[in-house]
Amino acid sequence: MTIFVFIVFNIRCSTDKDLDAPPNDNVGRMVLIKVKEYKTGLPLSGVEFSTYSCNKFDIEFGCTNRVVFGSCITDNNGICNCRFPSDLKRITIEKSMYWYWVREQIHFGGNSYEFIIEPEAWVNINFITNVEYPTTSYFYITVKGEGGFYSSDSSFIQAANNSNTILTLFGNEENVVDWVLYITQNTSSEILNAGSFTLNPNKFENLTYTLNY
């Protein structure tokens, strides 16, 4: 007599992967990192370099939460060694007075990489006008560097004669500053005035500029 034995497994499927416990790839691979300054090529010390992996994954939305996997601080030669996960989701580079560098969903397969980050600079803009604009009017100002990146300072600023604001620029490079004066704090509202100017600050330089509108 032949006897068939059926074994039923209780299988639970989930759309989320919770990695509160250590991930399967808890070692990763070591990668040599070198960080330099834009334009000058100087090696930068004291830079915090971090890699991120995914600890919560959703079938529909993909990775919904990223956690630091590896981190290192560059030495006087701008070098450090950092752990890279197999499921690399993000890289961040941070240093005081330099632009925050972040990239998502990137793929690196080598054993060493070189990164370039941009120093900051600043401009104090003085707003001067002889025109009676509505009190509801707002400036919208954007700053674009040579790499095509926009300053995070891009925002609405209430228009007021003899007022001022400080914007963060990209140091060691040309900055294109575009401004539009809207009748309200809405980019779809009527444009009252607009213009553009260029600034070329050195790194860490503080500039002043008078915007006559």
N, C-alpha and C. Protein backbone atom coordinates (compact mmCIF):
# COMPACT_ATOMS: atom_id res chain seq x y z
N MET A 1 0.86 -1.18 0.00
CA MET A 1 0.00 0.00 0.00
C MET A 1 0.89 1.23 0.00
N THR A 2 0.57 2.18 -0.86
CA THR A 2 1.32 3.43 -0.94
C THR A 2 0.59 4.50 -0.16
N ILE A 3 1.32 5.15 0.70
CA ILE A 3 0.73 6.19 1.53
C ILE A 3 1.30 7.54 1.12
N PHE A 4 0.43 8.47 0.79
CA PHE A 4 0.85 9.83 0.45
C PHE A 4 0.67 10.72 1.67
N VAL A 5 1.69 11.40 2.01
CA VAL A 5 1.63 12.30 3.16
C VAL A 5 1.69 13.73 2.65
N PHE A 6 0.69 14.54 2.95
CA PHE A 6 0.64 15.95 2.54
C PHE A 6 0.99 16.82 3.75
N ILE A 7 1.97 17.65 3.57
CA ILE A 7 2.39 18.57 4.63
C ILE A 7 2.02 19.98 4.20
N VAL A 8 1.29 20.65 5.02
CA VAL A 8 0.87 22.02 4.72
C VAL A 8 1.69 22.99 5.56
N PHE A 9 2.35 23.91 4.88
CA PHE A 9 3.13 24.94 5.57
C PHE A 9 2.29 26.20 5.71
N ASN A 10 2.40 26.81 6.84
CA ASN A 10 1.71 28.09 7.08
C ASN A 10 2.62 29.21 6.62
N ILE A 11 2.34 29.74 5.44
CA ILE A 11 3.21 30.76 4.85
C ILE A 11 2.51 32.10 4.92
N ARG A 12 3.19 33.10 5.43
CA ARG A 12 2.63 34.44 5.53
C ARG A 12 3.39 35.36 4.58
N CYS A 13 2.65 36.02 3.66
CA CYS A 13 3.28 36.95 2.72
C CYS A 13 3.08 38.36 3.24
N SER A 14 4.08 39.16 3.04
CA SER A 14 3.98 40.56 3.49
C SER A 14 4.58 41.46 2.44
N THR A 15 3.98 42.63 2.28
CA THR A 15 4.51 43.62 1.33
C THR A 15 5.59 44.47 1.97
N ASP A 16 5.76 44.35 3.30
CA ASP A 16 6.77 45.15 3.98
C ASP A 16 7.89 44.26 4.50
N LYS A 17 9.11 44.81 4.43
CA LYS A 17 10.26 44.13 5.01
C LYS A 17 10.78 45.00 6.12
N ASP A 18 10.67 44.53 7.36
CA ASP A 18 11.09 45.33 8.48
C ASP A 18 12.44 44.82 8.96
N LEU A 19 13.43 45.65 8.87
CA LEU A 19 14.76 45.22 9.24
C LEU A 19 15.21 45.87 10.54
N ASP A 20 14.37 45.78 11.55
CA ASP A 20 14.81 46.24 12.85
C ASP A 20 15.98 45.36 13.32
N ALA A 21 15.92 44.11 12.91
CA ALA A 21 17.04 43.21 13.16
C ALA A 21 18.11 43.51 12.12
N PRO A 22 19.36 43.08 12.36
CA PRO A 22 20.42 43.36 11.38
C PRO A 22 20.06 42.80 10.01
N PRO A 23 20.37 43.54 8.93
CA PRO A 23 20.07 43.07 7.59
C PRO A 23 20.91 41.87 7.22
N ASN A 24 20.48 41.15 6.18
CA ASN A 24 21.25 39.99 5.74
C ASN A 24 22.65 40.41 5.31
N ASP A 25 22.73 41.54 4.60
CA ASP A 25 24.02 42.06 4.18
C ASP A 25 24.51 43.01 5.26
N ASN A 26 24.97 42.44 6.39
CA ASN A 26 25.36 43.28 7.51
C ASN A 26 26.85 43.60 7.52
N VAL A 27 27.55 43.24 6.47
CA VAL A 27 28.98 43.52 6.37
C VAL A 27 29.24 44.51 5.24
N GLY A 28 28.63 44.23 4.08
CA GLY A 28 28.86 45.09 2.92
C GLY A 28 30.28 44.96 2.41
N ARG A 29 30.72 45.96 1.66
CA ARG A 29 32.09 45.96 1.15
C ARG A 29 32.72 47.31 1.42
N MET A 30 34.00 47.31 1.69
CA MET A 30 34.70 48.54 1.99
C MET A 30 35.12 49.23 0.69
N VAL A 31 34.89 50.52 0.65
CA VAL A 31 35.20 51.32 -0.54
C VAL A 31 36.03 52.53 -0.12
N LEU A 32 37.09 52.80 -0.88
CA LEU A 32 37.94 53.96 -0.62
C LEU A 32 37.28 55.22 -1.18
N ILE A 33 37.09 56.22 -0.33
CA ILE A 33 36.43 57.46 -0.72
C ILE A 33 37.42 58.60 -0.68
N LYS A 34 37.36 59.47 -1.69
CA LYS A 34 38.16 60.70 -1.67
C LYS A 34 37.23 61.85 -2.01
N VAL A 35 37.29 62.92 -1.21
CA VAL A 35 36.43 64.08 -1.40
C VAL A 35 37.29 65.31 -1.67
N LYS A 36 36.96 66.04 -2.75
CA LYS A 36 37.70 67.24 -3.13
C LYS A 36 36.77 68.44 -3.25
N GLU A 37 37.37 69.61 -3.25
CA GLU A 37 36.63 70.86 -3.40
C GLU A 37 36.46 71.21 -4.87
N TYR A 38 35.27 71.69 -5.21
CA TYR A 38 34.97 72.10 -6.59
C TYR A 38 35.91 73.21 -7.04
N LYS A 39 36.35 73.14 -8.24
CA LYS A 39 37.23 74.10 -8.92
C LYS A 39 38.69 73.98 -8.48
N THR A 40 38.96 74.00 -7.17
CA THR A 40 40.35 74.00 -6.72
C THR A 40 40.95 72.60 -6.71
N GLY A 41 40.10 71.58 -6.54
CA GLY A 41 40.60 70.21 -6.46
C GLY A 41 41.29 69.88 -5.15
N LEU A 42 41.18 70.78 -4.15
CA LEU A 42 41.82 70.54 -2.86
C LEU A 42 41.14 69.39 -2.13
N PRO A 43 41.92 68.48 -1.52
CA PRO A 43 41.31 67.42 -0.70
C PRO A 43 40.70 68.03 0.55
N LEU A 44 39.56 67.53 0.96
CA LEU A 44 38.84 68.10 2.09
C LEU A 44 38.83 67.13 3.28
N SER A 45 39.30 67.61 4.40
CA SER A 45 39.29 66.81 5.63
C SER A 45 38.02 67.10 6.41
N GLY A 46 37.68 66.20 7.33
CA GLY A 46 36.53 66.40 8.20
C GLY A 46 35.19 66.29 7.51
N VAL A 47 35.16 65.65 6.36
CA VAL A 47 33.90 65.44 5.63
C VAL A 47 33.25 64.15 6.10
N GLU A 48 31.96 64.22 6.43
CA GLU A 48 31.23 63.01 6.83
C GLU A 48 30.56 62.38 5.61
N PHE A 49 30.97 61.19 5.29
CA PHE A 49 30.45 60.45 4.14
C PHE A 49 29.61 59.29 4.66
N SER A 50 28.37 59.16 4.17
CA SER A 50 27.48 58.10 4.67
C SER A 50 26.78 57.38 3.53
N THR A 51 26.61 56.07 3.71
CA THR A 51 25.81 55.26 2.79
C THR A 51 24.56 54.78 3.52
N TYR A 52 23.50 54.54 2.75
CA TYR A 52 22.22 54.14 3.33
C TYR A 52 21.70 52.89 2.63
N SER A 53 21.06 52.04 3.41
CA SER A 53 20.37 50.88 2.85
C SER A 53 18.88 51.00 3.19
N CYS A 54 18.10 50.08 2.65
CA CYS A 54 16.65 50.11 2.87
C CYS A 54 16.27 49.18 4.03
N ASN A 55 15.49 49.69 4.98
CA ASN A 55 15.03 48.80 6.06
C ASN A 55 13.52 48.66 6.08
N LYS A 56 12.85 49.24 5.07
CA LYS A 56 11.40 49.02 4.95
C LYS A 56 11.05 49.14 3.47
N PHE A 57 10.56 48.04 2.92
CA PHE A 57 10.27 47.99 1.49
C PHE A 57 8.80 47.67 1.26
N ASP A 58 8.20 48.42 0.34
CA ASP A 58 6.79 48.23 0.01
C ASP A 58 6.68 47.84 -1.47
N ILE A 59 5.88 46.81 -1.74
CA ILE A 59 5.71 46.31 -3.11
C ILE A 59 5.29 47.43 -4.05
N GLU A 60 4.39 48.28 -3.59
CA GLU A 60 3.85 49.33 -4.46
C GLU A 60 4.75 50.56 -4.54
N PHE A 61 5.31 50.98 -3.40
CA PHE A 61 6.04 52.24 -3.35
C PHE A 61 7.56 52.07 -3.29
N GLY A 62 8.04 50.84 -3.25
CA GLY A 62 9.48 50.61 -3.17
C GLY A 62 9.99 50.87 -1.76
N CYS A 63 11.23 51.35 -1.66
CA CYS A 63 11.83 51.60 -0.35
C CYS A 63 11.18 52.82 0.30
N THR A 64 10.61 52.62 1.47
CA THR A 64 9.92 53.70 2.16
C THR A 64 10.70 54.23 3.35
N ASN A 65 11.81 53.59 3.69
CA ASN A 65 12.63 54.09 4.80
C ASN A 65 14.08 53.67 4.60
N ARG A 66 14.99 54.62 4.74
CA ARG A 66 16.41 54.37 4.56
C ARG A 66 17.15 54.61 5.87
N VAL A 67 18.14 53.77 6.14
CA VAL A 67 18.92 53.91 7.37
C VAL A 67 20.40 53.93 7.01
N VAL A 68 21.19 54.59 7.88
CA VAL A 68 22.64 54.66 7.66
C VAL A 68 23.22 53.26 7.76
N PHE A 69 23.99 52.89 6.75
CA PHE A 69 24.64 51.57 6.72
C PHE A 69 26.11 51.71 7.09
N GLY A 70 26.78 52.70 6.49
CA GLY A 70 28.19 52.93 6.77
C GLY A 70 28.48 54.42 6.81
N SER A 71 29.49 54.81 7.59
CA SER A 71 29.85 56.22 7.69
C SER A 71 31.33 56.35 8.00
N CYS A 72 31.95 57.40 7.47
CA CYS A 72 33.36 57.64 7.76
C CYS A 72 33.66 59.14 7.64
N ILE A 73 34.76 59.57 8.24
CA ILE A 73 35.20 60.97 8.21
C ILE A 73 36.54 61.04 7.48
N THR A 74 36.63 61.94 6.50
CA THR A 74 37.86 62.03 5.71
C THR A 74 39.02 62.59 6.52
N ASP A 75 40.24 62.12 6.19
CA ASP A 75 41.46 62.58 6.86
C ASP A 75 42.02 63.82 6.15
N ASN A 76 43.24 64.20 6.48
CA ASN A 76 43.85 65.40 5.89
C ASN A 76 44.07 65.28 4.39
N ASN A 77 44.02 64.07 3.88
CA ASN A 77 44.16 63.85 2.44
C ASN A 77 42.80 63.73 1.75
N GLY A 78 41.73 63.98 2.52
CA GLY A 78 40.38 63.87 1.96
C GLY A 78 39.93 62.45 1.74
N ILE A 79 40.54 61.49 2.46
CA ILE A 79 40.29 60.07 2.22
C ILE A 79 39.70 59.40 3.45
N CYS A 80 38.79 58.46 3.22
CA CYS A 80 38.31 57.56 4.27
C CYS A 80 37.77 56.30 3.61
N ASN A 81 37.55 55.27 4.40
CA ASN A 81 37.00 54.01 3.91
C ASN A 81 35.59 53.84 4.47
N CYS A 82 34.65 53.54 3.60
CA CYS A 82 33.26 53.43 4.03
C CYS A 82 32.64 52.12 3.55
N ARG A 83 31.74 51.58 4.37
CA ARG A 83 31.02 50.35 4.00
C ARG A 83 29.88 50.68 3.05
N PHE A 84 29.77 49.94 1.97
CA PHE A 84 28.69 50.07 1.00
C PHE A 84 27.82 48.82 1.06
N PRO A 85 26.48 48.98 1.20
CA PRO A 85 25.59 47.82 1.20
C PRO A 85 25.33 47.35 -0.23
N SER A 86 24.87 46.13 -0.37
CA SER A 86 24.53 45.62 -1.70
C SER A 86 23.30 46.32 -2.26
N ASP A 87 22.41 46.82 -1.35
CA ASP A 87 21.20 47.51 -1.79
C ASP A 87 21.34 49.02 -1.54
N LEU A 88 22.41 49.61 -2.03
CA LEU A 88 22.69 51.04 -1.81
C LEU A 88 21.52 51.90 -2.27
N LYS A 89 20.96 52.70 -1.37
CA LYS A 89 19.81 53.53 -1.69
C LYS A 89 20.11 55.03 -1.66
N ARG A 90 21.15 55.41 -0.94
CA ARG A 90 21.45 56.85 -0.82
C ARG A 90 22.88 57.05 -0.37
N ILE A 91 23.46 58.16 -0.82
CA ILE A 91 24.77 58.61 -0.34
C ILE A 91 24.62 60.06 0.08
N THR A 92 25.17 60.42 1.24
CA THR A 92 25.19 61.81 1.67
C THR A 92 26.62 62.22 2.00
N ILE A 93 26.93 63.48 1.73
CA ILE A 93 28.25 64.05 2.04
C ILE A 93 28.00 65.37 2.75
N GLU A 94 28.57 65.52 3.95
CA GLU A 94 28.33 66.72 4.75
C GLU A 94 29.62 67.31 5.30
N LYS A 95 29.72 68.64 5.18
CA LYS A 95 30.82 69.39 5.80
C LYS A 95 30.34 70.81 6.02
N SER A 96 30.68 71.37 7.16
CA SER A 96 30.27 72.74 7.47
C SER A 96 30.78 73.71 6.41
N MET A 97 29.91 74.63 5.99
CA MET A 97 30.20 75.67 5.01
C MET A 97 30.37 75.11 3.59
N TYR A 98 29.89 73.88 3.39
CA TYR A 98 29.85 73.29 2.05
C TYR A 98 28.42 72.83 1.78
N TRP A 99 28.05 72.80 0.51
CA TRP A 99 26.71 72.37 0.15
C TRP A 99 26.50 70.90 0.46
N TYR A 100 25.37 70.61 1.07
CA TYR A 100 24.99 69.23 1.38
C TYR A 100 24.83 68.45 0.08
N TRP A 101 25.45 67.28 0.00
CA TRP A 101 25.44 66.46 -1.22
C TRP A 101 24.65 65.20 -0.94
N VAL A 102 23.64 64.92 -1.75
CA VAL A 102 22.85 63.70 -1.57
C VAL A 102 22.44 63.16 -2.93
N ARG A 103 22.49 61.84 -3.07
CA ARG A 103 22.03 61.17 -4.28
C ARG A 103 21.24 59.93 -3.88
N GLU A 104 20.16 59.68 -4.62
CA GLU A 104 19.30 58.54 -4.35
C GLU A 104 19.42 57.49 -5.45
N GLN A 105 19.17 56.24 -5.10
CA GLN A 105 19.09 55.13 -6.07
C GLN A 105 20.27 55.14 -7.04
N ILE A 106 21.46 55.07 -6.49
CA ILE A 106 22.66 55.10 -7.32
C ILE A 106 23.37 53.75 -7.25
N HIS A 107 24.19 53.48 -8.22
CA HIS A 107 24.87 52.18 -8.31
C HIS A 107 26.37 52.38 -8.49
N PHE A 108 27.14 51.80 -7.58
CA PHE A 108 28.59 51.86 -7.65
C PHE A 108 29.13 50.44 -7.56
N GLY A 109 30.02 50.10 -8.46
CA GLY A 109 30.53 48.74 -8.48
C GLY A 109 32.02 48.65 -8.23
N GLY A 110 32.72 49.79 -8.19
CA GLY A 110 34.17 49.78 -8.01
C GLY A 110 34.60 49.75 -6.57
N ASN A 111 35.91 49.86 -6.36
CA ASN A 111 36.48 49.81 -5.02
C ASN A 111 36.95 51.17 -4.51
N SER A 112 36.86 52.19 -5.36
CA SER A 112 37.24 53.54 -4.94
C SER A 112 36.48 54.57 -5.76
N TYR A 113 36.14 55.69 -5.11
CA TYR A 113 35.40 56.75 -5.79
C TYR A 113 35.89 58.11 -5.31
N GLU A 114 35.77 59.07 -6.23
CA GLU A 114 36.13 60.45 -5.90
C GLU A 114 34.88 61.32 -6.04
N PHE A 115 34.67 62.18 -5.06
CA PHE A 115 33.50 63.05 -5.05
C PHE A 115 33.95 64.50 -4.94
N ILE A 116 33.17 65.38 -5.58
CA ILE A 116 33.44 66.82 -5.57
C ILE A 116 32.27 67.52 -4.89
N ILE A 117 32.57 68.38 -3.91
CA ILE A 117 31.51 69.15 -3.27
C ILE A 117 31.84 70.65 -3.38
N GLU A 118 30.79 71.47 -3.30
CA GLU A 118 30.92 72.91 -3.55
C GLU A 118 30.90 73.71 -2.25
N PRO A 119 31.82 74.67 -2.11
CA PRO A 119 31.79 75.53 -0.92
C PRO A 119 30.65 76.54 -1.02
N GLU A 120 30.27 77.07 0.12
CA GLU A 120 29.22 78.09 0.15
C GLU A 120 29.82 79.49 0.07
N ALA A 121 28.96 80.44 -0.26
CA ALA A 121 29.24 81.87 -0.17
C ALA A 121 27.89 82.52 0.11
N TRP A 122 27.88 83.83 0.34
CA TRP A 122 26.62 84.47 0.73
C TRP A 122 26.50 85.85 0.11
N VAL A 123 25.27 86.29 -0.08
CA VAL A 123 25.03 87.64 -0.57
C VAL A 123 23.91 88.29 0.24
N ASN A 124 24.14 89.52 0.65
CA ASN A 124 23.13 90.32 1.33
C ASN A 124 22.49 91.22 0.27
N ILE A 125 21.24 90.92 -0.08
CA ILE A 125 20.55 91.69 -1.13
C ILE A 125 19.72 92.79 -0.48
N ASN A 126 19.98 94.03 -0.94
CA ASN A 126 19.20 95.17 -0.49
C ASN A 126 18.18 95.52 -1.58
N PHE A 127 16.91 95.62 -1.20
CA PHE A 127 15.83 95.92 -2.14
C PHE A 127 15.50 97.41 -2.10
N ILE A 128 15.64 98.07 -3.26
CA ILE A 128 15.39 99.50 -3.36
C ILE A 128 14.43 99.76 -4.52
N THR A 129 13.41 100.60 -4.29
CA THR A 129 12.48 100.94 -5.37
C THR A 129 11.89 102.34 -5.15
N ASN A 130 11.51 102.98 -6.26
CA ASN A 130 10.78 104.24 -6.22
C ASN A 130 9.34 104.06 -6.70
N VAL A 131 8.97 102.80 -6.93
CA VAL A 131 7.65 102.48 -7.45
C VAL A 131 6.73 102.05 -6.31
N GLU A 132 5.48 102.47 -6.40
CA GLU A 132 4.49 102.05 -5.39
C GLU A 132 3.88 100.71 -5.80
N TYR A 133 4.43 99.62 -5.27
CA TYR A 133 3.90 98.30 -5.54
C TYR A 133 2.84 97.94 -4.50
N PRO A 134 1.90 97.04 -4.86
CA PRO A 134 0.91 96.59 -3.87
C PRO A 134 1.59 95.97 -2.65
N THR A 135 1.02 96.16 -1.50
CA THR A 135 1.61 95.61 -0.27
C THR A 135 1.54 94.09 -0.23
N THR A 136 0.76 93.51 -1.15
CA THR A 136 0.63 92.05 -1.20
C THR A 136 1.72 91.40 -2.04
N SER A 137 2.58 92.19 -2.67
CA SER A 137 3.55 91.65 -3.64
C SER A 137 4.69 90.91 -2.95
N TYR A 138 5.18 89.89 -3.68
CA TYR A 138 6.27 89.04 -3.18
C TYR A 138 7.29 88.81 -4.28
N PHE A 139 8.57 88.72 -3.88
CA PHE A 139 9.63 88.27 -4.77
C PHE A 139 9.70 86.74 -4.72
N TYR A 140 10.00 86.16 -5.88
CA TYR A 140 10.42 84.75 -5.89
C TYR A 140 11.82 84.74 -6.50
N ILE A 141 12.81 84.31 -5.73
CA ILE A 141 14.21 84.39 -6.14
C ILE A 141 14.81 83.00 -6.21
N THR A 142 15.51 82.71 -7.30
CA THR A 142 16.22 81.43 -7.44
C THR A 142 17.70 81.70 -7.72
N VAL A 143 18.54 80.82 -7.22
CA VAL A 143 19.99 80.91 -7.43
C VAL A 143 20.45 79.61 -8.07
N LYS A 144 21.11 79.71 -9.22
CA LYS A 144 21.58 78.50 -9.92
C LYS A 144 23.09 78.56 -10.10
N GLY A 145 23.76 77.47 -9.74
CA GLY A 145 25.21 77.38 -9.90
C GLY A 145 25.60 76.81 -11.25
N GLU A 146 26.90 76.65 -11.44
CA GLU A 146 27.42 76.17 -12.73
C GLU A 146 27.01 74.74 -13.02
N GLY A 147 26.78 73.95 -11.98
CA GLY A 147 26.40 72.56 -12.19
C GLY A 147 24.94 72.38 -12.51
N GLY A 148 24.20 73.49 -12.59
CA GLY A 148 22.77 73.41 -12.89
C GLY A 148 21.91 73.18 -11.67
N PHE A 149 22.56 73.16 -10.48
CA PHE A 149 21.80 72.95 -9.25
C PHE A 149 21.28 74.28 -8.71
N TYR A 150 20.12 74.23 -8.09
CA TYR A 150 19.50 75.42 -7.52
C TYR A 150 19.73 75.47 -6.02
N SER A 151 19.92 76.68 -5.52
CA SER A 151 20.08 76.88 -4.09
C SER A 151 18.80 76.51 -3.35
N SER A 152 18.96 75.94 -2.17
CA SER A 152 17.80 75.60 -1.35
C SER A 152 17.15 76.85 -0.77
N ASP A 153 17.80 78.01 -0.97
CA ASP A 153 17.23 79.27 -0.48
C ASP A 153 16.14 79.81 -1.40
N SER A 154 15.92 79.18 -2.56
CA SER A 154 14.89 79.64 -3.48
C SER A 154 13.55 79.69 -2.75
N SER A 155 12.96 80.89 -2.68
CA SER A 155 11.74 81.03 -1.89
C SER A 155 11.07 82.36 -2.15
N PHE A 156 9.88 82.53 -1.56
CA PHE A 156 9.17 83.80 -1.61
C PHE A 156 9.71 84.74 -0.53
N ILE A 157 9.87 86.00 -0.91
CA ILE A 157 10.31 87.03 0.03
C ILE A 157 9.37 88.22 -0.13
N GLN A 158 8.79 88.67 0.94
CA GLN A 158 7.85 89.79 0.85
C GLN A 158 8.57 91.05 0.39
N ALA A 159 7.98 91.71 -0.59
CA ALA A 159 8.58 92.91 -1.16
C ALA A 159 8.37 94.09 -0.22
N ALA A 160 9.47 94.77 0.12
CA ALA A 160 9.40 95.96 0.97
C ALA A 160 10.60 96.83 0.66
N ASN A 161 10.36 98.10 0.38
CA ASN A 161 11.44 99.03 0.06
C ASN A 161 12.39 99.16 1.26
N ASN A 162 13.69 99.26 0.93
CA ASN A 162 14.74 99.40 1.95
C ASN A 162 14.82 98.20 2.89
N SER A 163 14.42 97.02 2.39
CA SER A 163 14.56 95.80 3.17
C SER A 163 15.74 95.00 2.62
N ASN A 164 16.05 93.89 3.26
CA ASN A 164 17.17 93.08 2.78
C ASN A 164 16.94 91.61 3.13
N THR A 165 17.68 90.74 2.45
CA THR A 165 17.66 89.31 2.75
C THR A 165 19.02 88.72 2.40
N ILE A 166 19.40 87.66 3.08
CA ILE A 166 20.68 86.99 2.82
C ILE A 166 20.41 85.65 2.15
N LEU A 167 21.08 85.42 1.01
CA LEU A 167 20.96 84.17 0.27
C LEU A 167 22.29 83.43 0.28
N THR A 168 22.21 82.11 0.29
CA THR A 168 23.41 81.28 0.20
C THR A 168 23.73 81.01 -1.27
N LEU A 169 25.00 81.22 -1.63
CA LEU A 169 25.46 81.04 -3.01
C LEU A 169 26.39 79.84 -3.11
N PHE A 170 26.78 79.53 -4.34
CA PHE A 170 27.79 78.51 -4.61
C PHE A 170 29.14 79.22 -4.76
N GLY A 171 30.08 78.90 -3.87
CA GLY A 171 31.38 79.54 -3.91
C GLY A 171 32.27 79.02 -5.03
N ASN A 172 33.22 79.84 -5.47
CA ASN A 172 34.18 79.47 -6.52
C ASN A 172 33.54 79.30 -7.89
N GLU A 173 32.36 79.89 -8.10
CA GLU A 173 31.71 79.69 -9.39
C GLU A 173 30.70 80.80 -9.68
N GLU A 174 30.23 80.81 -10.92
CA GLU A 174 29.25 81.80 -11.33
C GLU A 174 27.86 81.39 -10.84
N ASN A 175 27.16 82.36 -10.26
CA ASN A 175 25.79 82.15 -9.79
C ASN A 175 24.86 83.05 -10.57
N VAL A 176 23.82 82.46 -11.13
CA VAL A 176 22.79 83.23 -11.83
C VAL A 176 21.59 83.38 -10.89
N VAL A 177 21.28 84.63 -10.57
CA VAL A 177 20.17 84.92 -9.66
C VAL A 177 19.01 85.48 -10.48
N ASP A 178 17.92 84.75 -10.52
CA ASP A 178 16.71 85.20 -11.23
C ASP A 178 15.67 85.63 -10.20
N TRP A 179 15.01 86.74 -10.47
CA TRP A 179 13.97 87.19 -9.55
C TRP A 179 12.72 87.61 -10.31
N VAL A 180 11.58 87.34 -9.70
CA VAL A 180 10.29 87.72 -10.26
C VAL A 180 9.48 88.34 -9.13
N LEU A 181 8.86 89.47 -9.41
CA LEU A 181 7.99 90.12 -8.43
C LEU A 181 6.54 89.86 -8.81
N TYR A 182 5.86 89.07 -7.97
CA TYR A 182 4.45 88.73 -8.20
C TYR A 182 3.55 89.62 -7.36
N ILE A 183 2.33 89.80 -7.82
CA ILE A 183 1.38 90.64 -7.08
C ILE A 183 0.92 89.96 -5.79
N THR A 184 1.01 88.64 -5.74
CA THR A 184 0.72 87.90 -4.51
C THR A 184 1.75 86.79 -4.34
N GLN A 185 1.66 86.07 -3.24
CA GLN A 185 2.59 84.96 -2.97
C GLN A 185 2.13 83.71 -3.72
N ASN A 186 2.11 83.83 -5.04
CA ASN A 186 1.64 82.75 -5.89
C ASN A 186 2.24 82.93 -7.27
N THR A 187 2.92 81.92 -7.78
CA THR A 187 3.60 82.04 -9.07
C THR A 187 2.63 82.10 -10.25
N SER A 188 1.36 81.86 -10.01
CA SER A 188 0.37 81.98 -11.08
C SER A 188 -0.29 83.37 -11.09
N SER A 189 0.10 84.22 -10.14
CA SER A 189 -0.48 85.56 -10.08
C SER A 189 0.24 86.50 -11.05
N GLU A 190 -0.24 87.73 -11.15
CA GLU A 190 0.30 88.71 -12.10
C GLU A 190 1.76 89.05 -11.78
N ILE A 191 2.60 89.12 -12.83
CA ILE A 191 4.00 89.50 -12.68
C ILE A 191 4.11 91.02 -12.78
N LEU A 192 4.69 91.64 -11.76
CA LEU A 192 4.85 93.10 -11.73
C LEU A 192 6.20 93.54 -12.27
N ASN A 193 7.21 92.71 -12.09
CA ASN A 193 8.57 93.04 -12.53
C ASN A 193 9.40 91.76 -12.49
N ALA A 194 10.52 91.76 -13.19
CA ALA A 194 11.39 90.58 -13.20
C ALA A 194 12.77 90.98 -13.69
N GLY A 195 13.76 90.17 -13.36
CA GLY A 195 15.11 90.46 -13.81
C GLY A 195 16.07 89.35 -13.43
N SER A 196 17.35 89.57 -13.71
CA SER A 196 18.37 88.57 -13.44
C SER A 196 19.72 89.27 -13.28
N PHE A 197 20.58 88.70 -12.45
CA PHE A 197 21.94 89.22 -12.32
C PHE A 197 22.88 88.07 -11.99
N THR A 198 24.17 88.30 -12.19
CA THR A 198 25.18 87.25 -12.00
C THR A 198 26.18 87.66 -10.93
N LEU A 199 26.53 86.72 -10.08
CA LEU A 199 27.53 86.95 -9.04
C LEU A 199 28.62 85.89 -9.14
N ASN A 200 29.84 86.27 -8.83
CA ASN A 200 30.98 85.34 -8.90
C ASN A 200 31.77 85.36 -7.59
N PRO A 201 31.22 84.80 -6.53
CA PRO A 201 31.89 84.83 -5.23
C PRO A 201 33.01 83.80 -5.13
N ASN A 202 34.03 84.14 -4.35
CA ASN A 202 35.00 83.14 -3.93
C ASN A 202 34.37 82.29 -2.83
N LYS A 203 35.02 81.22 -2.46
CA LYS A 203 34.45 80.40 -1.40
C LYS A 203 34.43 81.18 -0.09
N PHE A 204 33.35 81.02 0.65
CA PHE A 204 33.14 81.63 1.96
C PHE A 204 33.06 83.16 1.92
N GLU A 205 32.93 83.72 0.72
CA GLU A 205 32.89 85.18 0.60
C GLU A 205 31.49 85.71 0.89
N ASN A 206 31.44 86.87 1.53
CA ASN A 206 30.18 87.57 1.79
C ASN A 206 30.08 88.78 0.86
N LEU A 207 29.07 88.78 0.00
CA LEU A 207 28.86 89.86 -0.95
C LEU A 207 27.67 90.71 -0.55
N THR A 208 27.59 91.89 -1.13
CA THR A 208 26.39 92.72 -1.00
C THR A 208 25.93 93.09 -2.42
N TYR A 209 24.64 93.21 -2.59
CA TYR A 209 24.08 93.55 -3.91
C TYR A 209 22.82 94.37 -3.70
N THR A 210 22.69 95.45 -4.49
CA THR A 210 21.49 96.27 -4.43
C THR A 210 20.60 95.96 -5.61
N LEU A 211 19.38 95.51 -5.32
CA LEU A 211 18.42 95.17 -6.36
C LEU A 211 17.43 96.33 -6.48
N ASN A 212 17.57 97.07 -7.58
CA ASN A 212 16.64 98.17 -7.85
C ASN A 212 15.47 97.63 -8.68
N TYR A 213 14.31 97.71 -8.11
CA TYR A 213 13.14 97.16 -8.81
C TYR A 213 12.03 98.18 -8.94
